[in-house]
């Protein structure tokens, strides 16, 4: 009787462990967004780590409570040397790799805000991947993080 139960438990673990490991193999190492000074668009920054055994792709994001849509963006330098923001289809992470979203680089663009994002509040972003479950992430709105970033780049704040 005990051996049958152990076999059943072993079969259950073999079946469920891959799903459980995928549910927890994406780690959020950092997250923040600056306050919005308008009700048009805003950016959010996240650092993700892929502890999954396979390559993953961040396909899309949403923040329905605060924006009509969200897009994956990056910055590119065009032939004239001008830095331009561009939407990308996906962001890929190899096993063991981290992806750092930051001002001037990859980021999540919250489009057509429903309201301004205020310092000290938190918003919820939903991240959709290929091959792993959807992930909900709470993002703190922080003017201090924005000022620290600008100070590290010796860039004056703009409104």
N, C-alpha and C. Protein backbone atom coordinates (compact mmCIF):
# COMPACT_ATOMS: atom_id res chain seq x y z
N UNK A 1 0.81 -1.20 0.00
CA UNK A 1 0.00 0.00 0.00
C UNK A 1 0.87 1.27 0.00
N UNK A 2 1.88 1.32 0.83
CA UNK A 2 2.75 2.50 0.90
C UNK A 2 3.53 2.67 -0.40
N UNK A 3 3.96 1.59 -1.02
CA UNK A 3 4.72 1.68 -2.27
C UNK A 3 3.85 2.26 -3.38
N UNK A 4 2.57 1.88 -3.43
CA UNK A 4 1.66 2.44 -4.44
C UNK A 4 1.51 3.95 -4.24
N UNK A 5 1.40 4.36 -3.00
CA UNK A 5 1.27 5.79 -2.72
C UNK A 5 2.55 6.54 -3.08
N UNK A 6 3.70 5.94 -2.79
CA UNK A 6 4.97 6.57 -3.15
C UNK A 6 5.11 6.69 -4.66
N UNK A 7 4.72 5.65 -5.40
CA UNK A 7 4.78 5.70 -6.86
C UNK A 7 3.85 6.79 -7.39
N UNK A 8 2.66 6.87 -6.79
CA UNK A 8 1.70 7.89 -7.21
C UNK A 8 2.26 9.28 -6.94
N UNK A 9 2.87 9.47 -5.76
CA UNK A 9 3.46 10.75 -5.41
C UNK A 9 4.63 11.09 -6.34
N UNK A 10 5.46 10.12 -6.64
CA UNK A 10 6.58 10.33 -7.55
C UNK A 10 6.09 10.72 -8.94
N UNK A 11 5.05 10.04 -9.42
CA UNK A 11 4.49 10.37 -10.73
C UNK A 11 3.92 11.80 -10.72
N UNK A 12 3.27 12.15 -9.65
CA UNK A 12 2.71 13.49 -9.53
C UNK A 12 3.82 14.55 -9.54
N UNK A 13 4.89 14.30 -8.81
CA UNK A 13 6.00 15.26 -8.78
C UNK A 13 6.66 15.40 -10.14
N UNK A 14 6.88 14.29 -10.83
CA UNK A 14 7.49 14.34 -12.16
C UNK A 14 6.61 15.13 -13.12
N UNK A 15 5.30 15.00 -12.97
CA UNK A 15 4.37 15.71 -13.84
C UNK A 15 4.30 17.19 -13.50
N UNK A 16 4.29 17.52 -12.22
CA UNK A 16 4.04 18.90 -11.79
C UNK A 16 5.30 19.75 -11.64
N UNK A 17 6.44 19.17 -11.36
CA UNK A 17 7.63 19.98 -11.11
C UNK A 17 8.02 20.90 -12.26
N UNK A 18 7.96 20.44 -13.52
CA UNK A 18 8.29 21.40 -14.58
C UNK A 18 7.38 22.63 -14.56
N UNK A 19 6.10 22.43 -14.34
CA UNK A 19 5.17 23.57 -14.30
C UNK A 19 5.47 24.46 -13.11
N UNK A 20 5.77 23.84 -11.95
CA UNK A 20 6.08 24.64 -10.77
C UNK A 20 7.38 25.40 -10.96
N UNK A 21 8.38 24.77 -11.57
CA UNK A 21 9.65 25.47 -11.76
C UNK A 21 9.48 26.65 -12.71
N UNK A 22 8.66 26.52 -13.74
CA UNK A 22 8.43 27.63 -14.66
C UNK A 22 7.68 28.76 -13.97
N UNK A 23 6.83 28.44 -13.02
CA UNK A 23 6.06 29.47 -12.33
C UNK A 23 6.97 30.36 -11.48
N UNK A 24 8.10 29.82 -11.04
CA UNK A 24 8.97 30.59 -10.15
C UNK A 24 10.34 30.87 -10.74
N UNK A 25 10.57 30.55 -12.00
CA UNK A 25 11.92 30.69 -12.55
C UNK A 25 12.21 32.08 -13.11
N UNK A 26 11.24 32.97 -13.14
CA UNK A 26 11.48 34.36 -13.53
C UNK A 26 11.50 35.18 -12.24
N UNK A 27 12.63 35.82 -11.99
CA UNK A 27 12.73 36.63 -10.77
C UNK A 27 12.76 38.11 -11.13
N UNK A 28 12.07 38.90 -10.33
CA UNK A 28 12.09 40.36 -10.46
C UNK A 28 13.12 40.86 -9.46
N UNK A 29 14.22 41.41 -9.96
CA UNK A 29 15.30 41.87 -9.09
C UNK A 29 15.16 43.33 -8.71
N UNK A 30 14.52 44.11 -9.57
CA UNK A 30 14.33 45.54 -9.30
C UNK A 30 13.13 46.02 -10.10
N UNK A 31 12.48 47.07 -9.61
CA UNK A 31 11.33 47.62 -10.34
C UNK A 31 11.05 49.02 -9.82
N UNK A 32 10.73 49.92 -10.75
CA UNK A 32 10.34 51.28 -10.37
C UNK A 32 9.82 52.02 -11.59
N UNK A 33 9.14 53.10 -11.34
CA UNK A 33 8.68 54.01 -12.38
C UNK A 33 8.71 55.42 -11.81
N UNK A 34 9.06 56.39 -12.63
CA UNK A 34 9.02 57.77 -12.15
C UNK A 34 7.59 58.29 -12.14
N UNK A 35 7.32 59.32 -11.34
CA UNK A 35 6.01 59.95 -11.42
C UNK A 35 5.80 60.53 -12.82
N UNK A 36 4.57 60.58 -13.25
CA UNK A 36 4.30 61.19 -14.56
C UNK A 36 3.93 62.64 -14.34
N UNK A 37 4.46 63.48 -15.20
CA UNK A 37 4.17 64.91 -15.08
C UNK A 37 3.06 65.32 -16.03
N UNK A 38 2.59 64.36 -16.80
CA UNK A 38 1.45 64.60 -17.68
C UNK A 38 0.58 63.35 -17.64
N UNK A 39 -0.52 63.42 -18.29
CA UNK A 39 -1.42 62.26 -18.34
C UNK A 39 -1.36 61.63 -19.73
N UNK A 40 -0.20 61.67 -20.35
CA UNK A 40 -0.06 61.11 -21.70
C UNK A 40 0.58 59.74 -21.62
N UNK A 41 1.89 59.68 -21.39
CA UNK A 41 2.62 58.43 -21.34
C UNK A 41 3.56 58.43 -20.14
N UNK A 42 4.02 57.24 -19.76
CA UNK A 42 5.00 57.10 -18.68
C UNK A 42 5.81 55.84 -18.95
N UNK A 43 6.95 55.74 -18.29
CA UNK A 43 7.81 54.57 -18.45
C UNK A 43 7.89 53.80 -17.13
N UNK A 44 8.17 52.50 -17.24
CA UNK A 44 8.42 51.66 -16.07
C UNK A 44 9.68 50.85 -16.35
N UNK A 45 10.44 50.61 -15.30
CA UNK A 45 11.72 49.93 -15.43
C UNK A 45 11.75 48.72 -14.50
N UNK A 46 12.18 47.60 -15.04
CA UNK A 46 12.21 46.34 -14.29
C UNK A 46 13.51 45.63 -14.63
N UNK A 47 14.07 44.94 -13.65
CA UNK A 47 15.18 44.02 -13.91
C UNK A 47 14.67 42.61 -13.67
N UNK A 48 14.75 41.79 -14.70
CA UNK A 48 14.28 40.40 -14.64
C UNK A 48 15.48 39.47 -14.75
N UNK A 49 15.39 38.33 -14.08
CA UNK A 49 16.40 37.27 -14.21
C UNK A 49 15.71 35.99 -14.63
N UNK A 50 16.28 35.34 -15.63
CA UNK A 50 15.74 34.07 -16.13
C UNK A 50 16.47 32.91 -15.47
N UNK A 51 15.83 32.30 -14.48
CA UNK A 51 16.37 31.10 -13.85
C UNK A 51 15.74 29.85 -14.43
N UNK A 52 15.04 29.99 -15.55
CA UNK A 52 14.42 28.86 -16.23
C UNK A 52 15.49 28.08 -16.99
N UNK A 53 15.21 26.82 -17.29
CA UNK A 53 16.19 26.03 -18.05
C UNK A 53 16.20 26.37 -19.55
N UNK A 54 15.26 27.18 -20.01
CA UNK A 54 15.19 27.51 -21.43
C UNK A 54 15.11 29.03 -21.63
N UNK A 55 15.36 29.45 -22.85
CA UNK A 55 15.24 30.85 -23.26
C UNK A 55 13.78 31.26 -23.10
N UNK A 56 13.55 32.47 -22.61
CA UNK A 56 12.18 32.99 -22.51
C UNK A 56 12.09 34.29 -23.27
N UNK A 57 10.86 34.64 -23.62
CA UNK A 57 10.60 35.89 -24.35
C UNK A 57 9.50 36.66 -23.63
N UNK A 58 9.79 37.90 -23.28
CA UNK A 58 8.78 38.81 -22.79
C UNK A 58 8.06 39.34 -24.01
N UNK A 59 6.78 38.98 -24.16
CA UNK A 59 6.01 39.31 -25.37
C UNK A 59 5.21 40.60 -25.24
N UNK A 60 4.67 40.84 -24.04
CA UNK A 60 3.83 42.02 -23.88
C UNK A 60 3.66 42.35 -22.41
N UNK A 61 3.10 43.52 -22.18
CA UNK A 61 2.83 43.99 -20.83
C UNK A 61 1.53 44.78 -20.86
N UNK A 62 0.91 44.91 -19.70
CA UNK A 62 -0.28 45.75 -19.59
C UNK A 62 -0.37 46.29 -18.16
N UNK A 63 -1.07 47.40 -18.04
CA UNK A 63 -1.33 48.04 -16.75
C UNK A 63 -2.71 48.68 -16.86
N UNK A 64 -3.73 47.84 -16.98
CA UNK A 64 -5.09 48.31 -17.29
C UNK A 64 -5.60 49.38 -16.34
N UNK A 65 -5.20 49.33 -15.08
CA UNK A 65 -5.72 50.30 -14.11
C UNK A 65 -5.21 51.72 -14.37
N UNK A 66 -4.04 51.83 -15.04
CA UNK A 66 -3.46 53.16 -15.22
C UNK A 66 -3.23 53.58 -16.66
N UNK A 67 -3.27 52.63 -17.61
CA UNK A 67 -3.02 53.02 -19.01
C UNK A 67 -3.88 52.18 -19.96
N UNK A 68 -4.12 52.76 -21.13
CA UNK A 68 -4.91 52.04 -22.13
C UNK A 68 -4.11 50.92 -22.77
N UNK A 69 -2.78 51.08 -22.84
CA UNK A 69 -1.93 50.02 -23.38
C UNK A 69 -0.52 50.18 -22.82
N UNK A 70 0.29 49.15 -23.03
CA UNK A 70 1.70 49.20 -22.65
C UNK A 70 2.50 48.57 -23.78
N UNK A 71 3.67 49.12 -24.03
CA UNK A 71 4.51 48.62 -25.13
C UNK A 71 5.91 48.35 -24.61
N UNK A 72 6.60 47.40 -25.24
CA UNK A 72 8.00 47.13 -24.98
C UNK A 72 8.80 48.07 -25.87
N UNK A 73 9.73 48.82 -25.28
CA UNK A 73 10.49 49.82 -26.03
C UNK A 73 11.98 49.67 -25.79
N UNK A 74 12.75 50.20 -26.73
CA UNK A 74 14.19 50.35 -26.59
C UNK A 74 14.59 51.66 -27.25
N UNK A 75 15.83 52.03 -27.09
CA UNK A 75 16.39 53.21 -27.76
C UNK A 75 17.42 52.75 -28.78
N UNK A 76 17.41 53.36 -29.93
CA UNK A 76 18.40 53.06 -30.97
C UNK A 76 19.02 54.38 -31.42
N UNK A 77 20.22 54.29 -31.96
CA UNK A 77 20.88 55.46 -32.54
C UNK A 77 20.78 55.32 -34.05
N UNK A 78 20.16 56.31 -34.69
CA UNK A 78 19.98 56.23 -36.15
C UNK A 78 21.26 56.64 -36.88
N UNK A 79 21.21 56.63 -38.20
CA UNK A 79 22.38 56.91 -39.04
C UNK A 79 22.93 58.33 -38.81
N UNK A 80 22.07 59.24 -38.37
CA UNK A 80 22.51 60.61 -38.11
C UNK A 80 23.01 60.80 -36.68
N UNK A 81 23.05 59.73 -35.91
CA UNK A 81 23.52 59.81 -34.53
C UNK A 81 22.46 60.26 -33.55
N UNK A 82 21.20 60.30 -33.98
CA UNK A 82 20.10 60.72 -33.11
C UNK A 82 19.53 59.50 -32.40
N UNK A 83 19.37 59.62 -31.08
CA UNK A 83 18.81 58.51 -30.30
C UNK A 83 17.29 58.58 -30.40
N UNK A 84 16.70 57.46 -30.79
CA UNK A 84 15.25 57.39 -30.97
C UNK A 84 14.68 56.21 -30.19
N UNK A 85 13.47 56.41 -29.65
CA UNK A 85 12.77 55.35 -28.97
C UNK A 85 11.99 54.53 -29.99
N UNK A 86 12.05 53.19 -29.86
CA UNK A 86 11.35 52.31 -30.78
C UNK A 86 10.65 51.19 -30.02
N UNK A 87 9.47 50.84 -30.49
CA UNK A 87 8.77 49.68 -29.94
C UNK A 87 9.44 48.41 -30.47
N UNK A 88 9.56 47.40 -29.61
CA UNK A 88 10.10 46.11 -30.03
C UNK A 88 9.04 45.04 -29.82
N UNK A 89 9.14 43.98 -30.60
CA UNK A 89 8.15 42.90 -30.56
C UNK A 89 8.27 42.08 -29.28
N UNK A 90 9.50 41.86 -28.83
CA UNK A 90 9.74 41.04 -27.64
C UNK A 90 11.12 41.35 -27.08
N UNK A 91 11.34 40.90 -25.84
CA UNK A 91 12.66 40.98 -25.21
C UNK A 91 13.00 39.56 -24.77
N UNK A 92 14.18 39.09 -25.16
CA UNK A 92 14.57 37.70 -24.94
C UNK A 92 15.61 37.60 -23.84
N UNK A 93 15.47 36.57 -23.00
CA UNK A 93 16.44 36.28 -21.95
C UNK A 93 16.87 34.82 -22.07
N UNK A 94 18.17 34.59 -22.20
CA UNK A 94 18.72 33.24 -22.20
C UNK A 94 18.72 32.71 -20.76
N UNK A 95 18.82 31.41 -20.59
CA UNK A 95 18.91 30.86 -19.22
C UNK A 95 20.07 31.50 -18.45
N UNK A 96 19.78 31.93 -17.22
CA UNK A 96 20.80 32.56 -16.38
C UNK A 96 21.05 34.02 -16.67
N UNK A 97 20.39 34.57 -17.66
CA UNK A 97 20.60 35.96 -18.07
C UNK A 97 19.65 36.90 -17.34
N UNK A 98 20.12 38.13 -17.13
CA UNK A 98 19.27 39.19 -16.57
C UNK A 98 19.01 40.24 -17.64
N UNK A 99 17.87 40.87 -17.54
CA UNK A 99 17.49 41.96 -18.43
C UNK A 99 17.21 43.17 -17.55
N UNK A 100 17.98 44.23 -17.75
CA UNK A 100 17.80 45.44 -16.96
C UNK A 100 17.16 46.51 -17.83
N UNK A 101 15.97 46.92 -17.46
CA UNK A 101 15.30 48.02 -18.13
C UNK A 101 15.66 49.28 -17.36
N UNK A 102 16.04 50.33 -18.10
CA UNK A 102 16.47 51.56 -17.46
C UNK A 102 16.27 52.74 -18.40
N UNK A 103 16.22 53.96 -17.85
CA UNK A 103 16.09 55.13 -18.71
C UNK A 103 17.21 55.16 -19.76
N UNK A 104 16.84 55.47 -20.99
CA UNK A 104 17.80 55.51 -22.07
C UNK A 104 18.07 54.16 -22.71
N UNK A 105 17.36 53.13 -22.24
CA UNK A 105 17.54 51.79 -22.78
C UNK A 105 16.19 51.10 -22.92
N UNK A 106 16.18 49.81 -22.67
CA UNK A 106 14.93 49.06 -22.74
C UNK A 106 14.02 49.49 -21.59
N UNK A 107 12.71 49.52 -21.86
CA UNK A 107 11.76 49.92 -20.84
C UNK A 107 10.35 49.53 -21.26
N UNK A 108 9.43 49.66 -20.34
CA UNK A 108 8.00 49.46 -20.64
C UNK A 108 7.37 50.84 -20.74
N UNK A 109 6.69 51.09 -21.84
CA UNK A 109 6.06 52.39 -22.06
C UNK A 109 4.57 52.24 -21.81
N UNK A 110 4.07 52.98 -20.83
CA UNK A 110 2.64 52.99 -20.51
C UNK A 110 2.01 54.09 -21.34
N UNK A 111 1.15 53.69 -22.26
CA UNK A 111 0.60 54.61 -23.25
C UNK A 111 -0.81 55.08 -22.85
N UNK A 112 -1.08 56.36 -23.10
CA UNK A 112 -2.40 56.94 -22.86
C UNK A 112 -2.86 56.68 -21.42
N UNK A 113 -2.16 57.33 -20.51
CA UNK A 113 -2.47 57.16 -19.09
C UNK A 113 -3.91 57.56 -18.78
N UNK A 114 -4.51 56.82 -17.90
CA UNK A 114 -5.86 57.16 -17.42
C UNK A 114 -5.80 58.26 -16.37
N UNK A 115 -4.62 58.40 -15.74
CA UNK A 115 -4.39 59.41 -14.70
C UNK A 115 -2.89 59.57 -14.52
N UNK A 116 -2.49 60.60 -13.82
CA UNK A 116 -1.07 60.80 -13.52
C UNK A 116 -0.61 59.75 -12.50
N UNK A 117 0.66 59.39 -12.57
CA UNK A 117 1.26 58.47 -11.60
C UNK A 117 1.92 59.30 -10.51
N UNK A 118 1.50 59.12 -9.26
CA UNK A 118 1.96 59.95 -8.16
C UNK A 118 3.06 59.28 -7.36
N UNK A 119 4.02 60.08 -6.93
CA UNK A 119 5.13 59.60 -6.11
C UNK A 119 4.58 58.87 -4.88
N UNK A 120 5.14 57.70 -4.58
CA UNK A 120 4.75 56.95 -3.39
C UNK A 120 3.68 55.89 -3.62
N UNK A 121 2.97 55.96 -4.73
CA UNK A 121 1.96 54.93 -5.00
C UNK A 121 2.59 53.72 -5.68
N UNK A 122 1.83 52.67 -5.84
CA UNK A 122 2.28 51.49 -6.57
C UNK A 122 1.24 51.16 -7.63
N UNK A 123 1.74 50.70 -8.77
CA UNK A 123 0.85 50.25 -9.85
C UNK A 123 1.16 48.78 -10.13
N UNK A 124 0.24 48.09 -10.77
CA UNK A 124 0.45 46.67 -11.09
C UNK A 124 0.60 46.51 -12.59
N UNK A 125 1.71 45.88 -12.98
CA UNK A 125 1.95 45.54 -14.38
C UNK A 125 1.78 44.04 -14.54
N UNK A 126 1.21 43.64 -15.66
CA UNK A 126 1.12 42.23 -16.02
C UNK A 126 2.09 41.97 -17.15
N UNK A 127 3.01 41.03 -16.95
CA UNK A 127 4.00 40.68 -17.95
C UNK A 127 3.65 39.33 -18.55
N UNK A 128 3.62 39.26 -19.88
CA UNK A 128 3.28 38.02 -20.58
C UNK A 128 4.50 37.50 -21.32
N UNK A 129 4.80 36.23 -21.10
CA UNK A 129 5.98 35.58 -21.66
C UNK A 129 5.57 34.45 -22.59
N UNK A 130 6.51 34.00 -23.39
CA UNK A 130 6.34 32.77 -24.15
C UNK A 130 7.00 31.66 -23.34
N UNK A 131 6.26 30.61 -23.04
CA UNK A 131 6.82 29.44 -22.37
C UNK A 131 6.75 29.44 -20.86
N UNK A 132 6.38 30.55 -20.24
CA UNK A 132 6.21 30.60 -18.79
C UNK A 132 4.94 31.38 -18.48
N UNK A 133 4.38 31.15 -17.30
CA UNK A 133 3.13 31.84 -16.95
C UNK A 133 3.26 33.36 -16.86
N UNK A 134 2.13 34.01 -16.97
CA UNK A 134 2.02 35.46 -16.81
C UNK A 134 2.48 35.84 -15.40
N UNK A 135 3.09 37.00 -15.29
CA UNK A 135 3.61 37.47 -14.01
C UNK A 135 3.05 38.85 -13.71
N UNK A 136 2.49 39.04 -12.51
CA UNK A 136 2.02 40.35 -12.07
C UNK A 136 3.10 40.95 -11.16
N UNK A 137 3.44 42.21 -11.42
CA UNK A 137 4.51 42.87 -10.70
C UNK A 137 4.00 44.21 -10.17
N UNK A 138 4.21 44.44 -8.88
CA UNK A 138 3.87 45.72 -8.28
C UNK A 138 5.05 46.67 -8.48
N UNK A 139 4.77 47.84 -9.04
CA UNK A 139 5.82 48.81 -9.38
C UNK A 139 5.66 50.06 -8.52
N UNK A 140 6.66 50.36 -7.67
CA UNK A 140 6.57 51.61 -6.90
C UNK A 140 6.89 52.82 -7.77
N UNK A 141 6.12 53.87 -7.58
CA UNK A 141 6.38 55.15 -8.27
C UNK A 141 7.31 55.95 -7.36
N UNK A 142 8.48 56.33 -7.90
CA UNK A 142 9.51 56.92 -7.05
C UNK A 142 10.23 58.08 -7.72
N UNK A 143 10.01 59.27 -7.19
CA UNK A 143 10.77 60.43 -7.69
C UNK A 143 12.22 60.33 -7.22
N UNK A 144 12.47 59.70 -6.07
CA UNK A 144 13.83 59.56 -5.57
C UNK A 144 14.68 58.72 -6.52
N UNK A 145 14.10 57.65 -7.07
CA UNK A 145 14.84 56.81 -8.03
C UNK A 145 15.14 57.59 -9.30
N UNK A 146 14.19 58.40 -9.74
CA UNK A 146 14.42 59.22 -10.94
C UNK A 146 15.55 60.21 -10.68
N UNK A 147 15.51 60.90 -9.55
CA UNK A 147 16.54 61.89 -9.23
C UNK A 147 17.91 61.22 -9.09
N UNK A 148 17.95 60.04 -8.47
CA UNK A 148 19.22 59.31 -8.33
C UNK A 148 19.77 58.93 -9.70
N UNK A 149 18.89 58.49 -10.59
CA UNK A 149 19.34 58.15 -11.94
C UNK A 149 19.88 59.39 -12.67
N UNK A 150 19.15 60.48 -12.60
CA UNK A 150 19.59 61.70 -13.27
C UNK A 150 20.91 62.20 -12.69
N UNK A 151 21.05 62.10 -11.38
CA UNK A 151 22.29 62.54 -10.73
C UNK A 151 23.46 61.66 -11.16
N UNK A 152 23.23 60.35 -11.30
CA UNK A 152 24.31 59.44 -11.71
C UNK A 152 24.75 59.73 -13.14
N UNK A 153 23.85 60.28 -13.94
CA UNK A 153 24.18 60.62 -15.33
C UNK A 153 24.54 62.10 -15.49
N UNK A 154 24.48 62.84 -14.37
CA UNK A 154 24.74 64.27 -14.39
C UNK A 154 23.81 64.99 -15.37
N UNK A 155 22.53 64.58 -15.32
CA UNK A 155 21.51 65.12 -16.22
C UNK A 155 20.50 65.92 -15.42
N UNK A 156 20.19 67.14 -15.82
CA UNK A 156 19.18 67.90 -15.09
C UNK A 156 17.79 67.34 -15.33
N UNK A 157 16.93 67.36 -14.30
CA UNK A 157 15.55 66.89 -14.50
C UNK A 157 14.80 67.77 -15.49
N UNK A 158 13.90 67.17 -16.25
CA UNK A 158 13.06 67.95 -17.16
C UNK A 158 11.61 67.61 -16.91
N UNK A 159 10.76 68.57 -17.15
CA UNK A 159 9.31 68.38 -16.91
C UNK A 159 8.55 68.60 -18.18
